[in-house]
C-alpha atoms as a PDB file:
ATOM      1  CA  MET A   1      88.007 112.035  63.345  1.00  0.00           C
ATOM      2  CA  LYS A   2      88.931 109.105  61.122  1.00  0.00           C
ATOM      3  CA  LYS A   3      88.377 109.007  57.387  1.00  0.00           C
ATOM      4  CA  THR A   4      85.871 106.330  56.309  1.00  0.00           C
ATOM      5  CA  PHE A   5      85.172 105.297  52.725  1.00  0.00           C
ATOM      6  CA  PRO A   6      83.446 102.432  50.867  1.00  0.00           C
ATOM      7  CA  VAL A   7      85.407  99.441  49.554  1.00  0.00           C
ATOM      8  CA  ASN A   8      84.332  96.472  47.451  1.00  0.00           C
ATOM      9  CA  ILE A   9      85.323  93.083  48.875  1.00  0.00           C
ATOM     10  CA  ASN A  10      84.174  90.039  46.940  1.00  0.00           C
ATOM     11  CA  GLY A  11      81.329  91.971  45.323  1.00  0.00           C
ATOM     12  CA  LYS A  12      80.061  93.504  48.574  1.00  0.00           C
ATOM     13  CA  VAL A  13      80.514  97.126  49.646  1.00  0.00           C
ATOM     14  CA  PHE A  14      81.661  97.900  53.180  1.00  0.00           C
ATOM     15  CA  TYR A  15      82.496 101.182  54.871  1.00  0.00           C
ATOM     16  CA  ILE A  16      85.936 100.913  56.425  1.00  0.00           C
ATOM     17  CA  ASP A  17      88.252 103.236  58.347  1.00  0.00           C
ATOM     18  CA  GLU A  18      91.413 104.339  56.602  1.00  0.00           C
ATOM     19  CA  ASP A  19      93.810 102.668  59.063  1.00  0.00           C
ATOM     20  CA  ALA A  20      91.739  99.464  58.955  1.00  0.00           C
ATOM     21  CA  TYR A  21      91.862  99.502  55.145  1.00  0.00           C
ATOM     22  CA  GLU A  22      95.645  99.908  55.144  1.00  0.00           C
ATOM     23  CA  LEU A  23      96.015  96.972  57.544  1.00  0.00           C
ATOM     24  CA  LEU A  24      93.714  94.774  55.432  1.00  0.00           C
ATOM     25  CA  LEU A  25      95.456  95.754  52.184  1.00  0.00           C
ATOM     26  CA  ASN A  26      98.872  94.980  53.667  1.00  0.00           C
ATOM     27  CA  TYR A  27      97.580  91.604  54.912  1.00  0.00           C
ATOM     28  CA  LEU A  28      96.196  90.629  51.517  1.00  0.00           C
ATOM     29  CA  ASP A  29      99.389  91.749  49.759  1.00  0.00           C
ATOM     30  CA  GLN A  30     101.482  89.532  52.021  1.00  0.00           C
ATOM     31  CA  LEU A  31      99.125  86.616  51.422  1.00  0.00           C
ATOM     32  CA  ARG A  32      99.511  87.069  47.670  1.00  0.00           C
ATOM     33  CA  SER A  33     103.285  87.034  48.117  1.00  0.00           C
ATOM     34  CA  ALA A  34     103.052  83.772  50.062  1.00  0.00           C
ATOM     35  CA  PHE A  35     100.572  82.041  47.754  1.00  0.00           C
ATOM     36  CA  GLY A  36     102.146  82.201  44.323  1.00  0.00           C
ATOM     37  CA  GLY A  37     100.780  81.151  40.950  1.00  0.00           C
ATOM     38  CA  ALA A  38      97.237  80.681  39.708  1.00  0.00           C
ATOM     39  CA  GLU A  39      96.426  78.301  42.542  1.00  0.00           C
ATOM     40  CA  GLY A  40      97.602  80.895  45.055  1.00  0.00           C
ATOM     41  CA  GLU A  41      95.360  83.541  43.511  1.00  0.00           C
ATOM     42  CA  GLU A  42      92.406  81.195  43.934  1.00  0.00           C
ATOM     43  CA  ILE A  43      93.284  80.632  47.586  1.00  0.00           C
ATOM     44  CA  VAL A  44      93.596  84.378  48.255  1.00  0.00           C
ATOM     45  CA  SER A  45      90.276  84.930  46.480  1.00  0.00           C
ATOM     46  CA  ASP A  46      88.641  82.364  48.765  1.00  0.00           C
ATOM     47  CA  ILE A  47      90.207  84.086  51.771  1.00  0.00           C
ATOM     48  CA  GLU A  48      88.780  87.416  50.607  1.00  0.00           C
ATOM     49  CA  SER A  49      85.377  85.738  50.335  1.00  0.00           C
ATOM     50  CA  ARG A  50      85.674  84.498  53.904  1.00  0.00           C
ATOM     51  CA  ILE A  51      86.748  87.959  55.080  1.00  0.00           C
ATOM     52  CA  SER A  52      83.661  89.394  53.369  1.00  0.00           C
ATOM     53  CA  GLU A  53      81.475  86.945  55.292  1.00  0.00           C
ATOM     54  CA  LEU A  54      83.096  87.921  58.604  1.00  0.00           C
ATOM     55  CA  PHE A  55      82.599  91.604  57.779  1.00  0.00           C
ATOM     56  CA  ASP A  56      78.944  90.839  57.060  1.00  0.00           C
ATOM     57  CA  GLU A  57      78.621  89.263  60.512  1.00  0.00           C
ATOM     58  CA  ARG A  58      80.228  92.340  62.086  1.00  0.00           C
ATOM     59  CA  ILE A  59      77.833  94.705  60.314  1.00  0.00           C
ATOM     60  CA  ALA A  60      74.860  92.482  61.201  1.00  0.00           C
ATOM     61  CA  ALA A  61      75.940  92.723  64.849  1.00  0.00           C
ATOM     62  CA  GLY A  62      75.372  96.496  64.728  1.00  0.00           C
ATOM     63  CA  ALA A  63      78.667  98.006  63.568  1.00  0.00           C
ATOM     64  CA  ASN A  64      78.374 101.051  61.301  1.00  0.00           C
ATOM     65  CA  ALA A  65      81.812 100.568  59.733  1.00  0.00           C
ATOM     66  CA  ILE A  66      84.770  98.224  59.818  1.00  0.00           C
ATOM     67  CA  VAL A  67      87.461  99.536  62.161  1.00  0.00           C
ATOM     68  CA  TYR A  68      91.079  98.605  62.850  1.00  0.00           C
ATOM     69  CA  SER A  69      90.249  96.186  65.670  1.00  0.00           C
ATOM     70  CA  ASP A  70      87.804  94.316  63.392  1.00  0.00           C
ATOM     71  CA  VAL A  71      90.499  93.705  60.791  1.00  0.00           C
ATOM     72  CA  ASN A  72      93.000  92.766  63.475  1.00  0.00           C
ATOM     73  CA  ASN A  73      90.559  90.209  64.909  1.00  0.00           C
ATOM     74  CA  ILE A  74      90.005  88.701  61.461  1.00  0.00           C
ATOM     75  CA  ILE A  75      93.758  88.400  60.946  1.00  0.00           C
ATOM     76  CA  GLU A  76      93.923  86.491  64.237  1.00  0.00           C
ATOM     77  CA  ILE A  77      91.150  84.198  62.987  1.00  0.00           C
ATOM     78  CA  MET A  78      92.529  83.585  59.503  1.00  0.00           C
ATOM     79  CA  GLY A  79      96.201  83.487  60.471  1.00  0.00           C
ATOM     80  CA  LYS A  80      98.918  86.125  60.337  1.00  0.00           C
ATOM     81  CA  PRO A  81     101.161  86.406  57.274  1.00  0.00           C
ATOM     82  CA  SER A  82     104.113  85.354  59.440  1.00  0.00           C
ATOM     83  CA  ASP A  83     102.387  81.999  59.947  1.00  0.00           C
ATOM     84  CA  ILE A  84     102.947  81.149  56.293  1.00  0.00           C
ATOM     85  CA  SER A  85     106.210  82.968  55.679  1.00  0.00           C
ATOM     86  CA  ASP A  86     108.122  79.707  55.338  1.00  0.00           C
ATOM     87  CA  CYS A  87     105.967  78.809  52.333  1.00  0.00           C
ATOM     88  CA  GLU A  88     106.817  81.952  50.363  1.00  0.00           C
ATOM     89  CA  PRO A  89     107.868  81.183  46.808  1.00  0.00           C
ATOM     90  CA  GLU A  90     111.250  82.255  45.517  1.00  0.00           C
ATOM     91  CA  PRO A  91     111.221  85.691  43.814  1.00  0.00           C
ATOM     92  CA  GLN A  92     111.266  85.730  40.036  1.00  0.00           C
ATOM     93  CA  THR A  93     114.294  86.916  38.112  1.00  0.00           C
ATOM     94  CA  ASP A  94     114.780  87.911  34.487  1.00  0.00           C
ATOM     95  CA  SER A  95     116.640  84.687  33.709  1.00  0.00           C
ATOM     96  CA  GLU A  96     114.079  82.456  35.453  1.00  0.00           C
ATOM     97  CA  PRO A  97     110.613  83.926  34.770  1.00  0.00           C
ATOM     98  CA  SER A  98     108.683  80.787  35.771  1.00  0.00           C
ATOM     99  CA  GLU A  99     110.502  79.931  39.013  1.00  0.00           C
ATOM    100  CA  SER A 100     107.454  80.720  41.173  1.00  0.00           C
ATOM    101  CA  GLN A 101     105.239  78.342  39.230  1.00  0.00           C
ATOM    102  CA  THR A 102     107.957  75.681  39.211  1.00  0.00           C
ATOM    103  CA  ALA A 103     108.394  75.992  42.971  1.00  0.00           C
ATOM    104  CA  THR A 104     104.655  75.597  43.475  1.00  0.00           C
ATOM    105  CA  GLU A 105     104.562  72.475  41.277  1.00  0.00           C
ATOM    106  CA  ASP A 106     107.575  71.028  43.097  1.00  0.00           C
ATOM    107  CA  ARG A 107     105.884  71.508  46.442  1.00  0.00           C
ATOM    108  CA  GLN A 108     102.819  69.690  45.199  1.00  0.00           C
ATOM    109  CA  THR A 109     104.949  66.844  43.788  1.00  0.00           C
ATOM    110  CA  VAL A 110     106.799  66.122  47.030  1.00  0.00           C
ATOM    111  CA  THR A 111     103.751  66.470  49.375  1.00  0.00           C
ATOM    112  CA  GLU A 112     103.405  62.410  50.017  1.00  0.00           C
ATOM    113  CA  SER A 113     107.162  62.204  51.008  1.00  0.00           C
ATOM    114  CA  VAL A 114     107.065  65.364  53.171  1.00  0.00           C
ATOM    115  CA  GLN A 115     103.834  64.254  54.810  1.00  0.00           C
ATOM    116  CA  THR A 116     105.409  60.926  55.831  1.00  0.00           C
ATOM    117  CA  ASP A 117     108.277  62.697  57.573  1.00  0.00           C
ATOM    118  CA  ASP A 118     106.203  65.477  59.185  1.00  0.00           C
ATOM    119  CA  ARG A 119     103.706  63.079  60.753  1.00  0.00           C
ATOM    120  CA  LEU A 120     106.597  61.627  62.734  1.00  0.00           C
ATOM    121  CA  HIS A 121     107.518  65.070  64.055  1.00  0.00           C
ATOM    122  CA  LYS A 122     104.387  66.513  65.583  1.00  0.00           C
ATOM    123  CA  LYS A 123     104.624  69.510  67.849  1.00  0.00           C
ATOM    124  CA  LEU A 124     102.762  69.773  71.118  1.00  0.00           C
ATOM    125  CA  TYR A 125     100.252  72.634  71.261  1.00  0.00           C
ATOM    126  CA  ARG A 126      97.089  73.278  73.236  1.00  0.00           C
ATOM    127  CA  ASN A 127      94.134  72.320  71.045  1.00  0.00           C
ATOM    128  CA  VAL A 128      91.838  75.364  71.186  1.00  0.00           C
ATOM    129  CA  ASN A 129      89.238  73.652  68.990  1.00  0.00           C
ATOM    130  CA  ASP A 130      88.921  70.588  71.228  1.00  0.00           C
ATOM    131  CA  LYS A 131      89.042  71.827  74.779  1.00  0.00           C
ATOM    132  CA  VAL A 132      87.206  71.759  78.061  1.00  0.00           C
ATOM    133  CA  LEU A 133      89.377  74.287  79.883  1.00  0.00           C
ATOM    134  CA  GLY A 134      92.703  75.224  78.351  1.00  0.00           C
ATOM    135  CA  GLY A 135      93.014  72.616  75.612  1.00  0.00           C
ATOM    136  CA  VAL A 136      96.004  70.916  77.289  1.00  0.00           C
ATOM    137  CA  LEU A 137      94.550  67.399  77.215  1.00  0.00           C
ATOM    138  CA  GLY A 138      93.038  67.961  73.775  1.00  0.00           C
ATOM    139  CA  GLY A 139      96.470  68.925  72.450  1.00  0.00           C
ATOM    140  CA  LEU A 140      98.162  66.015  74.213  1.00  0.00           C
ATOM    141  CA  ALA A 141      95.566  63.608  72.793  1.00  0.00           C
ATOM    142  CA  THR A 142      96.207  64.951  69.281  1.00  0.00           C
ATOM    143  CA  TYR A 143      99.944  64.601  69.784  1.00  0.00           C
ATOM    144  CA  LEU A 144      99.652  61.002  70.990  1.00  0.00           C
ATOM    145  CA  ASP A 145      96.781  60.009  68.640  1.00  0.00           C
ATOM    146  CA  TRP A 146      94.541  59.216  71.600  1.00  0.00           C
ATOM    147  CA  ASN A 147      90.863  59.834  72.136  1.00  0.00           C
ATOM    148  CA  ALA A 148      90.588  63.150  73.973  1.00  0.00           C
ATOM    149  CA  ASN A 149      87.584  62.143  76.080  1.00  0.00           C
ATOM    150  CA  ILE A 150      89.262  58.935  77.255  1.00  0.00           C
ATOM    151  CA  MET A 151      92.324  60.952  78.240  1.00  0.00           C
ATOM    152  CA  ARG A 152      90.137  63.403  80.162  1.00  0.00           C
ATOM    153  CA  ILE A 153      88.397  60.588  82.055  1.00  0.00           C
ATOM    154  CA  LEU A 154      91.763  59.036  82.962  1.00  0.00           C
ATOM    155  CA  TYR A 155      93.033  62.435  84.074  1.00  0.00           C
ATOM    156  CA  VAL A 156      90.027  62.999  86.355  1.00  0.00           C
ATOM    157  CA  LEU A 157      90.455  59.527  87.900  1.00  0.00           C
ATOM    158  CA  LEU A 158      94.189  60.020  88.451  1.00  0.00           C
ATOM    159  CA  THR A 159      93.519  63.442  89.929  1.00  0.00           C
ATOM    160  CA  CYS A 160      91.123  61.925  92.462  1.00  0.00           C
ATOM    161  CA  PHE A 161      93.558  59.128  93.362  1.00  0.00           C
ATOM    162  CA  THR A 162      96.471  61.560  93.842  1.00  0.00           C
ATOM    163  CA  TYR A 163      94.620  63.893  96.239  1.00  0.00           C
ATOM    164  CA  PHE A 164      93.671  66.427  93.575  1.00  0.00           C
ATOM    165  CA  TRP A 165      96.456  69.001  93.910  1.00  0.00           C
ATOM    166  CA  PRO A 166      99.513  67.490  92.141  1.00  0.00           C
ATOM    167  CA  LEU A 167      97.853  66.898  88.776  1.00  0.00           C
ATOM    168  CA  THR A 168      95.837  70.104  89.034  1.00  0.00           C
ATOM    169  CA  LEU A 169      99.032  72.070  89.570  1.00  0.00           C
ATOM    170  CA  LEU A 170     100.661  70.164  86.710  1.00  0.00           C
ATOM    171  CA  TYR A 171      97.744  71.063  84.414  1.00  0.00           C
ATOM    172  CA  LEU A 172      97.992  74.763  85.319  1.00  0.00           C
ATOM    173  CA  ILE A 173     101.724  74.773  84.645  1.00  0.00           C
ATOM    174  CA  ALA A 174     101.180  73.024  81.304  1.00  0.00           C
ATOM    175  CA  TRP A 175      98.478  75.583  80.493  1.00  0.00           C
ATOM    176  CA  MET A 176     101.000  78.376  81.011  1.00  0.00           C
ATOM    177  CA  ILE A 177     103.969  76.914  79.137  1.00  0.00           C
ATOM    178  CA  ILE A 178     102.372  75.038  76.207  1.00  0.00           C
ATOM    179  CA  PRO A 179     101.488  77.469  73.392  1.00  0.00           C
ATOM    180  CA  PRO A 180      98.022  77.312  71.797  1.00  0.00           C
ATOM    181  CA  ALA A 181      97.426  76.083  68.251  1.00  0.00           C
ATOM    182  CA  ASN A 182      95.891  79.429  67.298  1.00  0.00           C
ATOM    183  CA  SER A 183      97.247  79.752  63.762  1.00  0.00           C
ATOM    184  CA  PRO A 184      97.020  77.624  60.604  1.00  0.00           C
ATOM    185  CA  ARG A 185     100.703  76.739  60.807  1.00  0.00           C
ATOM    186  CA  ARG A 186     100.452  75.564  64.413  1.00  0.00           C
ATOM    187  CA  VAL A 187      97.338  73.511  63.673  1.00  0.00           C
ATOM    188  CA  LEU A 188      99.191  71.692  60.902  1.00  0.00           C
ATOM    189  CA  GLU A 189     102.263  71.165  63.080  1.00  0.00           C
ATOM    190  CA  MET A 190     100.082  69.853  65.914  1.00  0.00           C
ATOM    191  CA  GLN A 191      98.476  67.319  63.557  1.00  0.00           C
ATOM    192  CA  GLY A 192     101.775  66.349  61.947  1.00  0.00           C
ATOM    193  CA  GLN A 193     100.654  67.652  58.551  1.00  0.00           C
ATOM    194  CA  PRO A 194     103.102  69.095  56.004  1.00  0.00           C
ATOM    195  CA  VAL A 195     103.230  72.887  55.970  1.00  0.00           C
ATOM    196  CA  THR A 196     102.749  73.604  52.268  1.00  0.00           C
ATOM    197  CA  VAL A 197     100.807  76.095  50.180  1.00  0.00           C
ATOM    198  CA  ASP A 198      97.933  73.637  49.764  1.00  0.00           C
ATOM    199  CA  THR A 199      97.647  72.629  53.425  1.00  0.00           C
ATOM    200  CA  ILE A 200      98.110  76.173  54.712  1.00  0.00           C
ATOM    201  CA  GLY A 201      95.412  77.409  52.331  1.00  0.00           C
ATOM    202  CA  GLN A 202      92.973  74.708  53.400  1.00  0.00           C
ATOM    203  CA  SER A 203      93.737  75.367  57.065  1.00  0.00           C
ATOM    204  CA  VAL A 204      93.237  79.119  56.661  1.00  0.00           C
ATOM    205  CA  LEU A 205      89.881  78.620  54.984  1.00  0.00           C
ATOM    206  CA  SER A 206      88.751  76.193  57.699  1.00  0.00           C
ATOM    207  CA  SER A 207      89.765  78.551  60.515  1.00  0.00           C
ATOM    208  CA  THR A 208      86.266  79.917  60.975  1.00  0.00           C
ATOM    209  CA  THR A 209      86.272  79.904  64.780  1.00  0.00           C
ATOM    210  CA  PRO A 210      87.619  83.099  66.359  1.00  0.00           C
ATOM    211  CA  PRO A 211      90.083  82.933  69.250  1.00  0.00           C
ATOM    212  CA  PRO A 212      88.313  82.548  72.630  1.00  0.00           C
ATOM    213  CA  TYR A 213      89.134  86.082  73.773  1.00  0.00           C
ATOM    214  CA  GLN A 214      87.163  87.673  70.936  1.00  0.00           C
ATOM    215  CA  GLY A 215      83.956  87.160  72.897  1.00  0.00           C
ATOM    216  CA  VAL A 216      82.523  84.568  70.511  1.00  0.00           C
ATOM    217  CA  PRO A 217      81.924  81.178  72.133  1.00  0.00           C
ATOM    218  CA  VAL A 218      84.119  78.380  70.810  1.00  0.00           C
ATOM    219  CA  ARG A 219      82.240  75.464  69.316  1.00  0.00           C
ATOM    220  CA  GLU A 220      81.592  72.847  71.978  1.00  0.00           C
ATOM    221  CA  HIS A 221      81.239  69.139  71.284  1.00  0.00           C
ATOM    222  CA  SER A 222      77.772  67.954  72.112  1.00  0.00           C
ATOM    223  CA  ASN A 223      78.627  64.484  73.390  1.00  0.00           C
ATOM    224  CA  PHE A 224      77.823  63.596  76.972  1.00  0.00           C
ATOM    225  CA  PHE A 225      81.367  63.129  78.267  1.00  0.00           C
ATOM    226  CA  THR A 226      82.620  66.457  76.950  1.00  0.00           C
ATOM    227  CA  THR A 227      79.613  68.296  78.351  1.00  0.00           C
ATOM    228  CA  LEU A 228      79.996  66.601  81.734  1.00  0.00           C
ATOM    229  CA  LEU A 229      83.739  67.194  81.876  1.00  0.00           C
ATOM    230  CA  SER A 230      83.254  70.800  80.812  1.00  0.00           C
ATOM    231  CA  LEU A 231      80.805  71.339  83.658  1.00  0.00           C
ATOM    232  CA  VAL A 232      83.084  69.628  86.190  1.00  0.00           C
ATOM    233  CA  GLY A 233      86.097  71.504  84.882  1.00  0.00           C
ATOM    234  CA  LYS A 234      84.391  74.860  85.138  1.00  0.00           C
ATOM    235  CA  CYS A 235      83.291  74.046  88.689  1.00  0.00           C
ATOM    236  CA  ILE A 236      86.893  73.212  89.569  1.00  0.00           C
ATOM    237  CA  VAL A 237      88.152  76.394  87.930  1.00  0.00           C
ATOM    238  CA  GLY A 238      85.497  78.415  89.751  1.00  0.00           C
ATOM    239  CA  PHE A 239      86.536  76.862  93.060  1.00  0.00           C
ATOM    240  CA  LEU A 240      90.212  77.566  92.355  1.00  0.00           C
ATOM    241  CA  GLY A 241      89.299  81.127  91.433  1.00  0.00           C
ATOM    242  CA  LEU A 242      87.486  81.593  94.748  1.00  0.00           C
ATOM    243  CA  VAL A 243      90.422  80.099  96.636  1.00  0.00           C
ATOM    244  CA  GLY A 244      92.821  82.329  94.751  1.00  0.00           C
ATOM    245  CA  GLY A 245      90.707  85.416  95.352  1.00  0.00           C
ATOM    246  CA  ALA A 246      90.393  84.627  99.070  1.00  0.00           C
ATOM    247  CA  ALA A 247      94.141  83.997  99.312  1.00  0.00           C
ATOM    248  CA  ALA A 248      94.891  87.276  97.550  1.00  0.00           C
ATOM    249  CA  LEU A 249      92.558  89.253  99.817  1.00  0.00           C
ATOM    250  CA  THR A 250      93.952  87.595 102.947  1.00  0.00           C
ATOM    251  CA  ALA A 251      97.538  88.188 101.842  1.00  0.00           C
ATOM    252  CA  THR A 252      96.712  91.819 101.073  1.00  0.00           C
ATOM    253  CA  GLY A 253      95.226  92.268 104.563  1.00  0.00           C
ATOM    254  CA  PHE A 254      98.310  90.817 106.273  1.00  0.00           C
ATOM    255  CA  PHE A 255     100.619  92.848 104.040  1.00  0.00           C
ATOM    256  CA  LEU A 256      98.842  96.067 105.025  1.00  0.00           C
ATOM    257  CA  PHE A 257      99.018  95.047 108.698  1.00  0.00           C
ATOM    258  CA  PHE A 258     102.777  94.506 108.509  1.00  0.00           C
ATOM    259  CA  LEU A 259     103.201  97.701 106.487  1.00  0.00           C
ATOM    260  CA  ILE A 260     101.411  99.705 109.201  1.00  0.00           C
ATOM    261  CA  ALA A 261     103.522  97.948 111.844  1.00  0.00           C
ATOM    262  CA  LEU A 262     106.662  98.877 109.862  1.00  0.00           C
ATOM    263  CA  ILE A 263     105.569 102.521 109.696  1.00  0.00           C
ATOM    264  CA  ALA A 264     104.774 102.511 113.430  1.00  0.00           C
ATOM    265  CA  PHE A 265     108.200 101.061 114.255  1.00  0.00           C
ATOM    266  CA  SER A 266     110.126 103.307 111.854  1.00  0.00           C
ATOM    267  CA  CYS A 267     108.373 106.540 112.786  1.00  0.00           C
ATOM    268  CA  PHE A 268     107.400 106.036 116.434  1.00  0.00           C
ATOM    269  CA  ASP A 269     109.714 103.213 117.535  1.00  0.00           C
ATOM    270  CA  SER A 270     106.643 101.185 118.462  1.00  0.00           C
ATOM    271  CA  ILE A 271     106.636  97.374 118.444  1.00  0.00           C
ATOM    272  CA  THR A 272     103.076  97.026 119.717  1.00  0.00           C
ATOM    273  CA  LEU A 273     101.638  95.752 116.449  1.00  0.00           C
ATOM    274  CA  ILE A 274     104.431  93.339 115.641  1.00  0.00           C
ATOM    275  CA  ASN A 275     104.364  92.091 119.234  1.00  0.00           C
ATOM    276  CA  GLN A 276     100.766  91.015 118.653  1.00  0.00           C
ATOM    277  CA  PHE A 277     101.922  88.764 115.844  1.00  0.00           C
ATOM    278  CA  ASP A 278     105.456  87.817 116.892  1.00  0.00           C
ATOM    279  CA  PRO A 279     106.018  88.063 120.687  1.00  0.00           C
ATOM    280  CA  THR A 280     109.424  86.344 120.388  1.00  0.00           C
ATOM    281  CA  ILE A 281     110.767  89.664 119.118  1.00  0.00           C
ATOM    282  CA  LEU A 282     110.820  90.875 122.747  1.00  0.00           C
ATOM    283  CA  ARG A 283     113.707  88.492 123.471  1.00  0.00           C
ATOM    284  CA  ILE A 284     116.008  90.645 121.386  1.00  0.00           C
ATOM    285  CA  ASN A 285     117.608  93.915 122.377  1.00  0.00           C
ATOM    286  CA  LEU A 286     118.855  94.654 118.861  1.00  0.00           C
ATOM    287  CA  HIS A 287     117.067  97.667 117.391  1.00  0.00           C
ATOM    288  CA  TYR A 288     116.972  96.329 113.819  1.00  0.00           C
ATOM    289  CA  ALA A 289     115.432  92.958 114.764  1.00  0.00           C
ATOM    290  CA  PRO A 290     111.780  94.104 114.373  1.00  0.00           C
ATOM    291  CA  LEU A 291     112.677  95.578 110.999  1.00  0.00           C
ATOM    292  CA  ILE A 292     114.074  92.249 109.754  1.00  0.00           C
ATOM    293  CA  ALA A 293     111.028  90.395 111.087  1.00  0.00           C
ATOM    294  CA  LEU A 294     108.568  92.800 109.445  1.00  0.00           C
ATOM    295  CA  LEU A 295     110.336  92.649 106.073  1.00  0.00           C
ATOM    296  CA  ALA A 296     110.326  88.848 106.258  1.00  0.00           C
ATOM    297  CA  PHE A 297     106.589  88.731 106.996  1.00  0.00           C
ATOM    298  CA  MET A 298     105.777  91.239 104.243  1.00  0.00           C
ATOM    299  CA  SER A 299     107.753  89.216 101.707  1.00  0.00           C
ATOM    300  CA  PHE A 300     106.023  86.050 102.946  1.00  0.00           C
ATOM    301  CA  THR A 301     102.546  87.505 102.346  1.00  0.00           C
ATOM    302  CA  LEU A 302     103.506  88.586  98.818  1.00  0.00           C
ATOM    303  CA  CYS A 303     104.470  84.965  98.079  1.00  0.00           C
ATOM    304  CA  PHE A 304     100.757  84.119  98.452  1.00  0.00           C
ATOM    305  CA  LEU A 305      99.442  87.278  96.797  1.00  0.00           C
ATOM    306  CA  ILE A 306     100.848  86.574  93.325  1.00  0.00           C
ATOM    307  CA  PRO A 307      99.563  82.954  93.000  1.00  0.00           C
ATOM    308  CA  GLY A 308      96.198  84.064  94.395  1.00  0.00           C
ATOM    309  CA  ILE A 309      95.839  86.767  91.766  1.00  0.00           C
ATOM    310  CA  ALA A 310      96.990  84.319  89.068  1.00  0.00           C
ATOM    311  CA  LEU A 311      94.342  81.738  90.047  1.00  0.00           C
ATOM    312  CA  ALA A 312      91.589  84.354  90.191  1.00  0.00           C
ATOM    313  CA  TRP A 313      92.627  85.809  86.816  1.00  0.00           C
ATOM    314  CA  MET A 314      92.731  82.357  85.240  1.00  0.00           C
ATOM    315  CA  ALA A 315      89.254  81.525  86.547  1.00  0.00           C
ATOM    316  CA  VAL A 316      87.789  84.782  85.229  1.00  0.00           C
ATOM    317  CA  ALA A 317      89.404  84.226  81.804  1.00  0.00           C
ATOM    318  CA  VAL A 318      87.940  80.713  81.540  1.00  0.00           C
ATOM    319  CA  LEU A 319      84.482  81.283  82.999  1.00  0.00           C
ATOM    320  CA  PHE A 320      83.771  84.637  81.341  1.00  0.00           C
ATOM    321  CA  ASN A 321      85.692  84.048  78.098  1.00  0.00           C
ATOM    322  CA  CYS A 322      88.082  86.927  78.704  1.00  0.00           C
ATOM    323  CA  LYS A 323      91.642  87.407  77.522  1.00  0.00           C
ATOM    324  CA  GLY A 324      94.188  85.669  79.731  1.00  0.00           C
ATOM    325  CA  ALA A 325      97.531  87.003  80.895  1.00  0.00           C
ATOM    326  CA  ALA A 326     100.192  87.693  78.282  1.00  0.00           C
ATOM    327  CA  LYS A 327     103.232  85.430  78.189  1.00  0.00           C
ATOM    328  CA  SER A 328     105.497  88.305  79.264  1.00  0.00           C
ATOM    329  CA  THR A 329     103.261  88.926  82.283  1.00  0.00           C
ATOM    330  CA  ILE A 330     103.395  85.244  83.249  1.00  0.00           C
ATOM    331  CA  ILE A 331     107.195  85.139  82.966  1.00  0.00           C
ATOM    332  CA  PHE A 332     107.546  88.327  85.019  1.00  0.00           C
ATOM    333  CA  ALA A 333     105.194  86.972  87.702  1.00  0.00           C
ATOM    334  CA  LEU A 334     107.132  83.690  87.905  1.00  0.00           C
ATOM    335  CA  LEU A 335     110.461  85.503  88.245  1.00  0.00           C
ATOM    336  CA  LEU A 336     109.024  87.828  90.882  1.00  0.00           C
ATOM    337  CA  GLU A 337     107.610  84.852  92.790  1.00  0.00           C
ATOM    338  CA  VAL A 338     111.011  83.127  92.809  1.00  0.00           C
ATOM    339  CA  ILE A 339     112.698  86.315  94.020  1.00  0.00           C
ATOM    340  CA  LEU A 340     110.121  86.736  96.805  1.00  0.00           C
ATOM    341  CA  ILE A 341     110.489  83.118  97.931  1.00  0.00           C
ATOM    342  CA  VAL A 342     114.279  83.397  98.086  1.00  0.00           C
ATOM    343  CA  THR A 343     114.050  86.750  99.871  1.00  0.00           C
ATOM    344  CA  THR A 344     111.581  85.364 102.402  1.00  0.00           C
ATOM    345  CA  ILE A 345     113.779  82.346 103.163  1.00  0.00           C
ATOM    346  CA  VAL A 346     116.866  84.519 103.620  1.00  0.00           C
ATOM    347  CA  LEU A 347     115.080  87.015 105.885  1.00  0.00           C
ATOM    348  CA  LEU A 348     113.458  84.292 108.006  1.00  0.00           C
ATOM    349  CA  ILE A 349     116.794  82.518 108.456  1.00  0.00           C
ATOM    350  CA  PHE A 350     118.358  85.833 109.448  1.00  0.00           C
ATOM    351  CA  ARG A 351     115.499  86.524 111.877  1.00  0.00           C
ATOM    352  CA  ASP A 352     115.713  83.076 113.492  1.00  0.00           C
ATOM    353  CA  GLY A 353     119.472  83.416 113.708  1.00  0.00           C
ATOM    354  CA  ILE A 354     119.080  86.652 115.623  1.00  0.00           C
ATOM    355  CA  ILE A 355     116.415  85.248 117.945  1.00  0.00           C
ATOM    356  CA  TYR A 356     117.997  81.899 118.721  1.00  0.00           C
ATOM    357  CA  GLY A 357     121.627  82.946 118.390  1.00  0.00           C
ATOM    358  CA  TYR A 358     122.859  80.731 115.541  1.00  0.00           C
END
């Protein structure tokens, strides 16, 4: 059992678990360290007010108390303390008691000159607040100062003229490697805004939309082009998900077939099953030839299994607003896919060399 007790946040009383309270207290303490001076206290107070509103929404949704996952979700919405760590004021010393306030004033003084430089050094992120699918084109439009809808229309036309697959594959790769602008710092960097106490505070307070995987629908633009492109995009994603699922199931079936054939050959010295699929194996008198062929075919089927699962997972995450694969999972899958492709090529070359004598 967890200990639950009442706390007062911005004049409202909430019942909160002990571990959730410790997480929230630590978060607020780090925010106070980042936002120094009287202005910083006002920003933190506004953040507490926003947290109170989000807690109210959670209680109104039927929760009896605020738990650890609720606080963690709110931290994801508002921005983690690490997102503003670069803006932390210098610690005060006995000889310089007003250094924090001076640093804050200095940051405010140099904001026009910093802004001019930062706008020339935007960073490319996926725009999660202006997206149809993954926010790739929305982020690219922000980076280039283009209209996002015009870019989407051009992308659809180019996709049709290039036989669909090249640009679709390019979009999926970009979706995997371009990070999302899911924190106040990244939003500012995406827009080319200076990352200062003022801009971070304003960005935190405007971050009222939860990440997509929290189960709350992201605000959609109501204009015709975005709605149409969203519908078309979801149809495409659904189709890709079906193709991926079918490919994964088919690859799994073939893998099991070759696995059974491998067991039959290893245990009973039978080549009946593999002969049904690869009759050229009968040309060879070498005992290990069927083994090489079976390993090659099994590796070949796995080369289709991983992309099939990835497409199906991606489609489910988009269509049902679920959490996508973690970056570590994506990297591991890519490395495994490369290893399987290389292994398949080597085994098939070895097999053909045995069969045809080269």
